[in-house]
Amino acid sequence: MKKVVLLSLLCCFPFLLRPQEKQAKAFVNFNLQAAPKRETRAVWLTTFSNLDWPRTRATSQQTMIRQKQELTELLDKFAKANINTVLLQVRVRAAVIYPSAIEPWDKCLTGKEDGSPGYDPLRFAIDECHRRGMELHAWIAAMPAGEWKSLGCRRLAARGYKIRRFSTGAYMSPDDSRTAGYLADICAEIAEKYDVDGINLDYIRYPDGWPRPSGRNGDTPDNRRRNITRIVQAIHDRVKPMKPWLKISCSPIGKHSDLSRYSSKNYNARDRVFQDAQAWLRTGLMDQLYPMQYFRGDNYFPFCADWMENSHGGDVISGLGTYFLSPTEGNWTMADLTRQMSVSRSLGMGHAHFRAKFLAANLQGVYDHERLFNTSAALPPAMSRSSTMQPLPPTPLFTDNRLSAFHERNIVEFRWQGNSPYYNIYMSDRFPVDVTDPRNLVAQRLGRKAFYIRMEPEKRNRRYFAITAMDRFGNESRPLQETNAPS
């Protein structure tokens, strides 16, 4: 059925096949009314080789402050575009950007291996994302071990882990029975120490260049898939008992396998690099998938439908090749990207930009389009497969049973009581406030029980407010409406 919808969309908008700016804008305008209330809107923030962040090395108090500012400037920009999820690369190449008992500091922070930047970048990033109502997912590069002589790789080899050497670097061997436990330890360390919202597994597969299955000594495609699944299972089993609301995801190759009418051209997740990603979603080992769909035309759209047809109630987010908008990376036009974003949204997919640098630089107007495309804020989809229990609504704090009080200097103060970790604020010129309309959402995932907004008195008298509680799984309560409506 999804494939029929997809083909219908492509037929209905033939002008999308041409990249003229005027026609692209027309398509944007068509979608201004289609932004949903629940949708994952993400960006990959790469720390490997300082590709996205940081640009400044933290070697002094002053440069440490500048390094932090670089991050907050990026987050401010993403928040203004209503992006709600940041995938921050925290394990780079057998080295990390937080104080770890397992692996050394990555050199992206200070320019030196195992050099402390003088603060905890992961904790800082989490706090800054949460302050802006955004989720932070810890992006883990699983199999890569970095350069052969790097500190992280040498430590792994010294502890007896099987490491394979390729021209692109060293990799942990998926057929080493100890690999699963080691990577699970890293993910458990992050989950235990930090209030991350998810763990995103990258390179959870056999790397490119690995010899094809020989058939000898059990080296078969099925056993290779079992090896990767064993690692995913180990991570799931360590993390989920600790924090069942923590979203486990991965970034598989953008085509899961060959389709009946469309070939993957010998490069897919299941049969080439042995990622059984759709099975992980089906069995609950994964909550989300971010397929790296860095393709165009028939290499993109039919595979979107395939991912959604096999989502099994999980969240699927299309990984966009935004970097191809750069003339040094590819020859994509904005029409290529806007078409992908619009069709994937129509299928119920979220979207994630690879990478942060290219989105923030507004290449070919991509950041401007993101702001137009996301006409209102959105909450990430609830983890309905894990929990559907509705939390209790908040209760008013002011003695007159109101949600808010108006102060001098045109400040409206909201205070409430409740036991939930997050709260959402809605505002409308109609009473009661419709909390299903994303255009009414003015603040999301607040981690406190107070909110302030500046508003002229005449506007205050024409505005109504509501607040909902939200649990860790993303379930919302019934709204608390301000029943004493302004006169």
Protein backbone atom coordinates (compact mmCIF):
# COMPACT_ATOMS: atom_id res chain seq x y z
CA MET A 1 0.00 0.00 0.00
CA LYS A 2 2.85 2.38 0.84
CA LYS A 3 4.35 1.77 -2.59
CA VAL A 4 1.05 2.73 -4.21
CA VAL A 5 1.01 5.96 -2.16
CA LEU A 6 4.58 6.67 -3.17
CA LEU A 7 3.88 6.24 -6.87
CA SER A 8 0.77 8.39 -6.57
CA LEU A 9 2.80 11.17 -5.00
CA LEU A 10 5.36 11.08 -7.75
CA CYS A 11 2.63 11.23 -10.37
CA CYS A 12 0.82 14.09 -8.66
CA PHE A 13 3.90 16.30 -8.62
CA PRO A 14 5.62 15.93 -11.98
CA PHE A 15 7.08 19.41 -11.66
CA LEU A 16 9.35 18.03 -8.94
CA LEU A 17 11.33 16.25 -11.60
CA ARG A 18 12.67 19.65 -12.67
CA PRO A 19 14.96 21.61 -10.34
CA GLN A 20 13.75 25.13 -11.03
CA GLU A 21 13.70 27.25 -7.89
CA LYS A 22 10.15 28.47 -8.47
CA GLN A 23 8.78 24.95 -8.65
CA ALA A 24 10.76 23.86 -5.58
CA LYS A 25 9.21 26.74 -3.63
CA ALA A 26 5.76 25.69 -4.79
CA PHE A 27 6.35 22.24 -3.36
CA VAL A 28 7.55 23.73 -0.08
CA ASN A 29 4.36 25.78 0.15
CA PHE A 30 2.29 22.67 -0.44
CA ASN A 31 3.87 21.05 2.60
CA LEU A 32 3.60 23.99 4.96
CA GLN A 33 0.31 22.59 6.28
CA ALA A 34 1.57 19.03 6.51
CA ALA A 35 4.09 19.25 9.36
CA PRO A 36 3.04 16.66 11.95
CA LYS A 37 3.10 17.05 15.71
CA ARG A 38 5.20 13.89 16.14
CA GLU A 39 8.27 13.54 13.94
CA THR A 40 11.98 12.92 14.42
CA ARG A 41 14.00 15.77 12.91
CA ALA A 42 17.65 15.07 13.44
CA VAL A 43 21.18 16.02 12.52
CA TRP A 44 24.41 14.04 12.81
CA LEU A 45 27.07 16.09 14.62
CA THR A 46 30.44 14.61 13.68
CA THR A 47 33.50 14.93 15.92
CA PHE A 48 35.75 12.61 13.86
CA SER A 49 38.68 14.66 12.56
CA ASN A 50 36.82 17.81 13.75
CA LEU A 51 34.55 17.61 10.70
CA ASP A 52 31.59 19.38 12.34
CA TRP A 53 32.76 20.21 15.86
CA PRO A 54 34.92 21.33 17.53
CA ARG A 55 36.88 23.74 15.39
CA THR A 56 38.82 25.10 18.38
CA ARG A 57 41.09 22.87 20.45
CA ALA A 58 40.60 23.20 24.20
CA THR A 59 44.14 23.82 25.39
CA SER A 60 43.40 26.70 27.78
CA GLN A 61 40.52 28.20 29.72
CA GLN A 62 39.85 30.63 26.90
CA THR A 63 39.87 28.00 24.13
CA MET A 64 37.72 25.70 26.26
CA ILE A 65 35.10 28.45 26.49
CA ARG A 66 35.30 29.01 22.75
CA GLN A 67 34.87 25.28 22.09
CA LYS A 68 31.69 25.32 24.16
CA GLN A 69 30.43 28.42 22.34
CA GLU A 70 30.90 26.72 18.99
CA LEU A 71 28.59 23.95 20.13
CA THR A 72 25.91 26.22 21.58
CA GLU A 73 25.92 28.32 18.39
CA LEU A 74 25.18 25.19 16.36
CA LEU A 75 22.47 24.07 18.77
CA ASP A 76 20.82 27.49 18.71
CA LYS A 77 20.69 27.34 14.94
CA PHE A 78 19.20 23.86 14.91
CA ALA A 79 16.62 24.76 17.56
CA LYS A 80 15.43 27.70 15.44
CA ALA A 81 14.78 25.24 12.61
CA ASN A 82 12.67 23.06 14.96
CA ILE A 83 15.15 20.19 14.89
CA ASN A 84 14.46 18.03 17.94
CA THR A 85 17.22 15.38 17.90
CA VAL A 86 21.01 15.68 17.84
CA LEU A 87 23.13 12.60 17.12
CA LEU A 88 26.46 13.53 18.71
CA GLN A 89 29.46 11.36 17.90
CA VAL A 90 30.76 10.43 21.35
CA ARG A 91 32.79 7.31 20.48
CA VAL A 92 34.95 8.30 17.55
CA ARG A 93 37.55 5.63 16.72
CA ALA A 94 38.25 3.58 19.88
CA ALA A 95 38.41 6.94 21.67
CA VAL A 96 35.69 9.06 23.26
CA ILE A 97 34.72 12.64 24.09
CA TYR A 98 33.84 12.03 27.75
CA PRO A 99 35.90 10.83 30.75
CA SER A 100 35.78 7.05 30.34
CA ALA A 101 37.11 4.20 32.43
CA ILE A 102 37.33 2.11 29.24
CA GLU A 103 38.77 4.20 26.41
CA PRO A 104 41.02 7.27 26.05
CA TRP A 105 40.02 10.80 25.15
CA ASP A 106 39.79 11.44 21.43
CA LYS A 107 42.27 13.92 20.01
CA CYS A 108 39.53 16.02 18.36
CA LEU A 109 39.12 17.94 21.64
CA THR A 110 42.71 18.99 22.36
CA GLY A 111 44.76 17.84 19.39
CA LYS A 112 46.42 15.18 21.54
CA GLU A 113 45.47 11.59 22.23
CA ASP A 114 44.03 11.09 25.72
CA GLY A 115 44.14 14.82 26.38
CA SER A 116 41.43 16.13 28.72
CA PRO A 117 39.73 19.35 27.54
CA GLY A 118 39.14 20.46 31.11
CA TYR A 119 35.40 19.74 31.09
CA ASP A 120 32.99 16.96 30.18
CA PRO A 121 31.81 17.66 26.59
CA LEU A 122 29.11 14.99 26.65
CA ARG A 123 27.52 16.26 29.85
CA PHE A 124 27.74 19.82 28.55
CA ALA A 125 26.10 18.84 25.24
CA ILE A 126 23.30 16.94 26.99
CA ASP A 127 22.48 19.89 29.24
CA GLU A 128 22.50 22.32 26.32
CA CYS A 129 20.29 20.11 24.15
CA HIS A 130 17.80 19.53 26.96
CA ARG A 131 17.74 23.26 27.70
CA ARG A 132 16.52 23.74 24.13
CA GLY A 133 13.94 20.94 24.29
CA MET A 134 16.02 18.65 22.07
CA GLU A 135 16.99 15.01 22.57
CA LEU A 136 20.65 14.01 22.52
CA HIS A 137 21.59 10.56 21.25
CA ALA A 138 25.08 9.20 21.81
CA TRP A 139 26.44 8.24 18.39
CA ILE A 140 28.80 5.28 18.66
CA ALA A 141 31.20 4.24 15.88
CA ALA A 142 31.16 0.53 16.76
CA MET A 143 33.68 -1.42 14.68
CA PRO A 144 36.28 1.20 13.67
CA ALA A 145 39.38 1.25 15.88
CA GLY A 146 41.17 4.14 14.20
CA GLU A 147 44.67 4.27 12.84
CA TRP A 148 46.74 1.14 13.44
CA LYS A 149 49.15 2.96 15.75
CA SER A 150 46.55 5.06 17.56
CA LEU A 151 46.34 4.76 21.33
CA GLY A 152 42.84 3.27 21.33
CA CYS A 153 43.74 0.62 18.74
CA ARG A 154 46.96 -0.33 20.54
CA ARG A 155 45.09 -0.75 23.82
CA LEU A 156 42.53 -3.04 22.19
CA ALA A 157 45.27 -5.15 20.62
CA ALA A 158 47.18 -5.33 23.91
CA ARG A 159 44.06 -6.74 25.59
CA GLY A 160 43.84 -9.49 23.01
CA TYR A 161 40.94 -8.31 20.87
CA LYS A 162 41.00 -9.36 17.23
CA ILE A 163 41.77 -6.31 15.11
CA ARG A 164 41.77 -6.32 11.31
CA ARG A 165 43.85 -3.84 9.38
CA PHE A 166 42.62 -2.15 6.19
CA SER A 167 43.66 0.84 4.12
CA THR A 168 40.88 2.86 5.76
CA GLY A 169 42.03 1.96 9.26
CA ALA A 170 41.71 -0.79 11.85
CA TYR A 171 38.47 -2.52 12.78
CA MET A 172 37.33 -4.74 15.60
CA SER A 173 36.42 -8.17 14.30
CA PRO A 174 32.69 -9.01 14.55
CA ASP A 175 33.50 -12.73 14.77
CA ASP A 176 35.51 -12.18 17.96
CA SER A 177 33.17 -13.37 20.72
CA ARG A 178 34.54 -10.69 23.05
CA THR A 179 33.59 -7.77 20.77
CA ALA A 180 29.94 -7.84 21.82
CA GLY A 181 30.70 -7.55 25.52
CA TYR A 182 33.24 -4.80 24.99
CA LEU A 183 30.88 -2.59 22.99
CA ALA A 184 28.08 -3.34 25.45
CA ASP A 185 30.36 -2.12 28.27
CA ILE A 186 30.90 1.19 26.46
CA CYS A 187 27.18 1.72 25.86
CA ALA A 188 26.37 0.75 29.45
CA GLU A 189 28.95 3.22 30.76
CA ILE A 190 27.27 6.02 28.80
CA ALA A 191 23.75 4.98 29.81
CA GLU A 192 24.70 4.74 33.47
CA LYS A 193 26.64 8.00 33.74
CA TYR A 194 24.64 10.26 31.43
CA ASP A 195 21.07 11.34 30.80
CA VAL A 196 21.25 10.58 27.08
CA ASP A 197 17.99 9.99 25.24
CA GLY A 198 19.33 7.34 22.89
CA ILE A 199 22.30 5.37 21.62
CA ASN A 200 22.87 5.40 17.87
CA LEU A 201 25.11 2.62 16.53
CA ASP A 202 27.14 3.39 13.44
CA TYR A 203 29.34 0.82 11.65
CA ILE A 204 27.43 -1.97 13.38
CA ARG A 205 28.34 -4.18 10.44
CA TYR A 206 31.15 -5.82 8.54
CA PRO A 207 33.26 -3.01 7.09
CA ASP A 208 33.69 -2.43 3.39
CA GLY A 209 36.76 -4.31 2.19
CA TRP A 210 36.19 -7.28 4.47
CA PRO A 211 36.70 -10.50 2.45
CA ARG A 212 33.51 -12.07 1.16
CA PRO A 213 32.25 -15.13 3.08
CA SER A 214 34.49 -18.09 2.30
CA GLY A 215 32.13 -20.78 3.52
CA ARG A 216 34.97 -22.33 5.50
CA ASN A 217 34.90 -22.75 9.28
CA GLY A 218 31.37 -21.41 9.47
CA ASP A 219 32.12 -18.17 7.57
CA THR A 220 28.70 -17.93 5.91
CA PRO A 221 26.36 -14.96 5.34
CA ASP A 222 23.93 -16.27 7.97
CA ASN A 223 26.67 -16.62 10.57
CA ARG A 224 27.96 -13.15 9.80
CA ARG A 225 24.49 -11.76 10.37
CA ARG A 226 24.35 -13.69 13.64
CA ASN A 227 27.68 -12.17 14.69
CA ILE A 228 26.38 -8.63 14.20
CA THR A 229 23.03 -9.43 15.79
CA ARG A 230 24.86 -10.89 18.81
CA ILE A 231 26.54 -7.50 19.33
CA VAL A 232 23.22 -5.65 19.02
CA GLN A 233 21.63 -8.11 21.45
CA ALA A 234 24.43 -7.63 24.00
CA ILE A 235 24.05 -3.84 23.88
CA HIS A 236 20.27 -4.08 24.16
CA ASP A 237 20.44 -6.47 27.10
CA ARG A 238 22.87 -4.26 29.00
CA VAL A 239 21.19 -0.92 28.39
CA LYS A 240 17.45 -1.59 28.44
CA PRO A 241 17.22 -2.98 32.00
CA MET A 242 18.96 0.19 33.18
CA LYS A 243 16.82 2.65 31.23
CA PRO A 244 13.96 1.07 29.23
CA TRP A 245 13.07 4.45 27.73
CA LEU A 246 16.49 4.92 26.16
CA LYS A 247 16.15 4.66 22.38
CA ILE A 248 18.49 2.19 20.71
CA SER A 249 19.02 2.83 17.02
CA CYS A 250 21.49 2.23 14.24
CA SER A 251 22.44 3.74 10.90
CA PRO A 252 22.25 0.87 8.42
CA ILE A 253 23.15 1.01 4.75
CA GLY A 254 20.31 2.88 3.00
CA LYS A 255 18.99 -0.15 1.11
CA HIS A 256 18.07 -3.12 3.24
CA SER A 257 18.15 -5.67 0.42
CA ASP A 258 17.14 -6.11 -3.21
CA LEU A 259 13.48 -5.39 -3.96
CA SER A 260 11.36 -7.30 -6.45
CA ARG A 261 11.57 -4.48 -9.01
CA TYR A 262 14.58 -2.49 -7.84
CA SER A 263 18.13 -3.72 -7.36
CA SER A 264 20.37 -2.50 -4.56
CA LYS A 265 23.22 -2.68 -7.07
CA ASN A 266 25.13 -5.11 -4.90
CA TYR A 267 25.31 -2.72 -1.94
CA ASN A 268 22.78 -3.26 0.82
CA ALA A 269 22.58 -3.75 4.55
CA ARG A 270 21.49 -7.37 4.87
CA ASP A 271 23.48 -9.18 2.19
CA ARG A 272 26.59 -7.03 1.69
CA VAL A 273 27.52 -5.89 5.21
CA PHE A 274 25.28 -8.34 7.14
CA GLN A 275 23.05 -5.91 9.05
CA ASP A 276 19.69 -7.55 9.66
CA ALA A 277 18.28 -4.16 10.59
CA GLN A 278 14.64 -4.78 9.78
CA ALA A 279 14.70 -7.88 11.97
CA TRP A 280 16.20 -5.83 14.80
CA LEU A 281 13.27 -3.45 14.57
CA ARG A 282 10.76 -6.31 14.35
CA THR A 283 12.13 -8.14 17.40
CA GLY A 284 12.50 -5.01 19.52
CA LEU A 285 16.30 -4.96 19.65
CA MET A 286 16.05 -1.54 18.02
CA ASP A 287 13.58 1.29 18.63
CA GLN A 288 14.62 3.37 15.64
CA LEU A 289 16.48 3.07 12.35
CA TYR A 290 18.33 5.86 10.57
CA PRO A 291 19.06 4.27 7.16
CA MET A 292 21.80 6.16 5.35
CA GLN A 293 19.85 6.88 2.18
CA TYR A 294 22.48 8.90 0.38
CA PHE A 295 21.02 8.11 -3.05
CA ARG A 296 18.65 9.61 -5.58
CA GLY A 297 15.74 8.50 -7.77
CA ASP A 298 15.01 4.78 -7.90
CA ASN A 299 17.84 4.23 -5.43
CA TYR A 300 15.94 6.26 -2.83
CA PHE A 301 12.15 6.32 -3.13
CA PRO A 302 11.30 2.59 -3.48
CA PHE A 303 13.60 1.83 -0.57
CA CYS A 304 11.81 4.41 1.60
CA ALA A 305 8.60 2.47 1.07
CA ASP A 306 10.40 -0.77 1.91
CA TRP A 307 11.74 0.59 5.20
CA MET A 308 8.28 1.80 6.21
CA GLU A 309 6.54 -1.41 5.20
CA ASN A 310 8.90 -3.23 7.54
CA SER A 311 8.95 -0.73 10.40
CA HIS A 312 6.77 -2.89 12.71
CA GLY A 313 5.69 0.16 14.69
CA GLY A 314 9.22 1.47 15.16
CA ASP A 315 10.47 4.89 14.14
CA VAL A 316 12.27 5.11 10.78
CA ILE A 317 14.19 8.27 9.97
CA SER A 318 15.57 8.82 6.48
CA GLY A 319 19.25 9.74 6.52
CA LEU A 320 19.65 12.52 3.95
CA GLY A 321 22.83 13.06 1.94
CA THR A 322 22.86 16.78 2.67
CA TYR A 323 26.63 16.86 2.21
CA PHE A 324 26.14 16.19 -1.51
CA LEU A 325 24.90 19.78 -1.83
CA SER A 326 28.54 20.84 -1.55
CA PRO A 327 30.27 20.97 -4.96
CA THR A 328 33.31 19.32 -3.37
CA GLU A 329 31.19 16.33 -2.28
CA GLY A 330 28.63 15.79 -5.04
CA ASN A 331 26.34 17.41 -7.59
CA TRP A 332 22.98 17.40 -5.82
CA THR A 333 20.55 20.29 -6.12
CA MET A 334 18.07 21.52 -3.54
CA ALA A 335 15.29 20.05 -5.67
CA ASP A 336 16.80 16.59 -5.07
CA LEU A 337 16.70 17.07 -1.31
CA THR A 338 13.35 18.84 -1.00
CA ARG A 339 11.66 16.08 -2.99
CA GLN A 340 13.15 13.42 -0.71
CA MET A 341 12.11 15.27 2.44
CA SER A 342 8.55 15.75 1.24
CA VAL A 343 7.96 12.21 0.01
CA SER A 344 9.55 10.62 3.07
CA ARG A 345 7.35 12.76 5.34
CA SER A 346 4.27 11.67 3.39
CA LEU A 347 5.24 8.07 4.17
CA GLY A 348 5.56 8.80 7.89
CA MET A 349 9.36 8.94 8.05
CA GLY A 350 11.41 11.46 9.96
CA HIS A 351 14.57 12.92 8.46
CA ALA A 352 18.18 13.35 9.57
CA HIS A 353 20.81 15.51 7.90
CA PHE A 354 24.32 14.25 7.29
CA ARG A 355 26.09 16.39 8.35
CA ALA A 356 25.72 19.32 10.73
CA LYS A 357 28.33 21.45 8.97
CA PHE A 358 26.49 21.44 5.65
CA LEU A 359 23.09 22.16 7.17
CA ALA A 360 24.42 25.02 9.32
CA ALA A 361 26.29 26.50 6.35
CA ASN A 362 22.96 26.78 4.50
CA LEU A 363 24.36 25.25 1.32
CA GLN A 364 22.02 26.04 -1.58
CA GLY A 365 19.52 27.31 1.03
CA VAL A 366 19.10 23.96 2.82
CA TYR A 367 18.85 25.54 6.27
CA ASP A 368 16.29 28.06 5.05
CA HIS A 369 14.29 25.19 3.58
CA GLU A 370 14.50 23.24 6.85
CA ARG A 371 12.95 26.18 8.69
CA LEU A 372 10.16 26.44 6.09
CA PHE A 373 9.60 22.70 6.04
CA ASN A 374 9.26 22.52 9.82
CA THR A 375 6.46 25.03 10.11
CA SER A 376 6.02 24.27 13.79
CA ALA A 377 7.78 22.46 16.59
CA ALA A 378 7.40 18.69 16.81
CA LEU A 379 7.74 16.12 19.55
CA PRO A 380 9.71 12.95 18.77
CA PRO A 381 7.38 9.95 18.30
CA ALA A 382 6.39 8.22 21.52
CA MET A 383 7.85 4.78 22.19
CA SER A 384 4.42 3.18 22.00
CA ARG A 385 5.83 -0.33 21.66
CA SER A 386 7.43 0.03 25.10
CA SER A 387 4.72 1.90 27.00
CA THR A 388 1.35 3.51 26.36
CA MET A 389 0.56 4.47 29.95
CA GLN A 390 -0.63 8.07 30.10
CA PRO A 391 0.99 10.13 32.86
CA LEU A 392 -1.07 12.18 35.29
CA PRO A 393 -1.68 15.76 34.20
CA PRO A 394 -0.01 18.59 36.12
CA THR A 395 -1.92 20.64 38.67
CA PRO A 396 -1.97 24.44 39.10
CA LEU A 397 0.25 26.01 41.72
CA PHE A 398 -1.28 29.46 42.12
CA THR A 399 -3.97 29.73 44.80
CA ASP A 400 -6.65 30.96 42.39
CA ASN A 401 -6.34 27.70 40.42
CA ARG A 402 -4.68 29.43 37.51
CA LEU A 403 -1.68 28.29 35.52
CA SER A 404 -0.15 31.73 35.13
CA ALA A 405 0.31 35.12 36.65
CA PHE A 406 0.97 38.38 34.83
CA HIS A 407 3.84 40.49 36.17
CA GLU A 408 5.21 43.90 35.41
CA ARG A 409 7.52 44.23 32.43
CA ASN A 410 4.95 42.17 30.47
CA ILE A 411 6.15 38.80 31.80
CA VAL A 412 3.69 35.91 32.05
CA GLU A 413 4.81 33.39 34.66
CA PHE A 414 3.62 29.77 34.60
CA ARG A 415 4.05 27.43 37.56
CA TRP A 416 2.61 24.00 38.18
CA GLN A 417 3.02 20.81 40.16
CA GLY A 418 3.62 17.28 38.90
CA ASN A 419 5.86 14.23 38.98
CA SER A 420 6.75 13.90 35.30
CA PRO A 421 10.23 14.54 33.85
CA TYR A 422 8.96 16.73 31.00
CA TYR A 423 6.20 19.24 30.27
CA ASN A 424 4.85 20.84 27.09
CA ILE A 425 3.30 24.31 26.85
CA TYR A 426 0.56 25.17 24.35
CA MET A 427 -0.93 28.56 23.45
CA SER A 428 -3.89 29.55 21.30
CA ASP A 429 -6.38 32.33 20.71
CA ARG A 430 -9.15 29.76 21.19
CA PHE A 431 -10.38 28.06 24.33
CA PRO A 432 -9.90 25.25 25.12
CA VAL A 433 -6.45 25.01 23.56
CA ASP A 434 -6.16 22.24 20.96
CA VAL A 435 -3.07 20.31 22.06
CA THR A 436 -3.21 18.08 18.98
CA ASP A 437 -2.35 21.04 16.75
CA PRO A 438 1.46 21.42 16.56
CA ARG A 439 1.07 25.11 15.72
CA ASN A 440 0.00 25.66 19.34
CA LEU A 441 3.14 24.08 20.79
CA VAL A 442 5.36 26.88 22.13
CA ALA A 443 7.72 24.96 24.44
CA GLN A 444 8.49 21.24 24.57
CA ARG A 445 10.27 18.79 26.85
CA LEU A 446 10.66 21.32 29.66
CA GLY A 447 12.55 19.72 32.51
CA ARG A 448 11.27 22.20 35.08
CA LYS A 449 7.91 23.25 36.52
CA ALA A 450 8.10 26.90 35.53
CA PHE A 451 7.93 28.84 32.29
CA TYR A 452 8.13 32.52 31.42
CA ILE A 453 7.05 34.32 28.29
CA ARG A 454 7.08 38.01 27.43
CA MET A 455 3.73 39.25 26.10
CA GLU A 456 1.99 42.60 25.70
CA PRO A 457 -1.09 42.99 27.97
CA GLU A 458 -3.49 43.28 25.03
CA LYS A 459 -2.17 40.01 23.57
CA ARG A 460 -2.31 38.33 26.96
CA ASN A 461 -6.04 38.99 27.11
CA ARG A 462 -6.52 37.13 23.84
CA ARG A 463 -4.35 34.09 24.61
CA TYR A 464 -5.21 30.83 26.33
CA PHE A 465 -2.74 28.28 27.64
CA ALA A 466 -2.58 24.57 28.36
CA ILE A 467 0.12 22.28 29.68
CA THR A 468 0.70 18.54 29.43
CA ALA A 469 3.01 16.24 31.33
CA MET A 470 5.18 13.83 29.34
CA ASP A 471 6.99 10.72 30.53
CA ARG A 472 10.33 9.29 29.40
CA PHE A 473 8.65 7.21 26.70
CA GLY A 474 7.08 10.32 25.17
CA ASN A 475 3.52 9.65 26.36
CA GLU A 476 1.54 12.84 27.02
CA SER A 477 -1.05 13.42 29.72
CA ARG A 478 -4.43 15.00 29.30
CA PRO A 479 -3.99 18.80 29.10
CA LEU A 480 -4.38 21.07 32.06
CA GLN A 481 -6.31 24.00 30.62
CA GLU A 482 -6.30 27.42 32.21
CA THR A 483 -9.97 27.35 33.08
CA ASN A 484 -10.04 30.91 34.41
CA ALA A 485 -9.69 32.30 30.93
CA PRO A 486 -8.52 35.93 30.63
CA SER A 487 -11.29 38.46 30.36
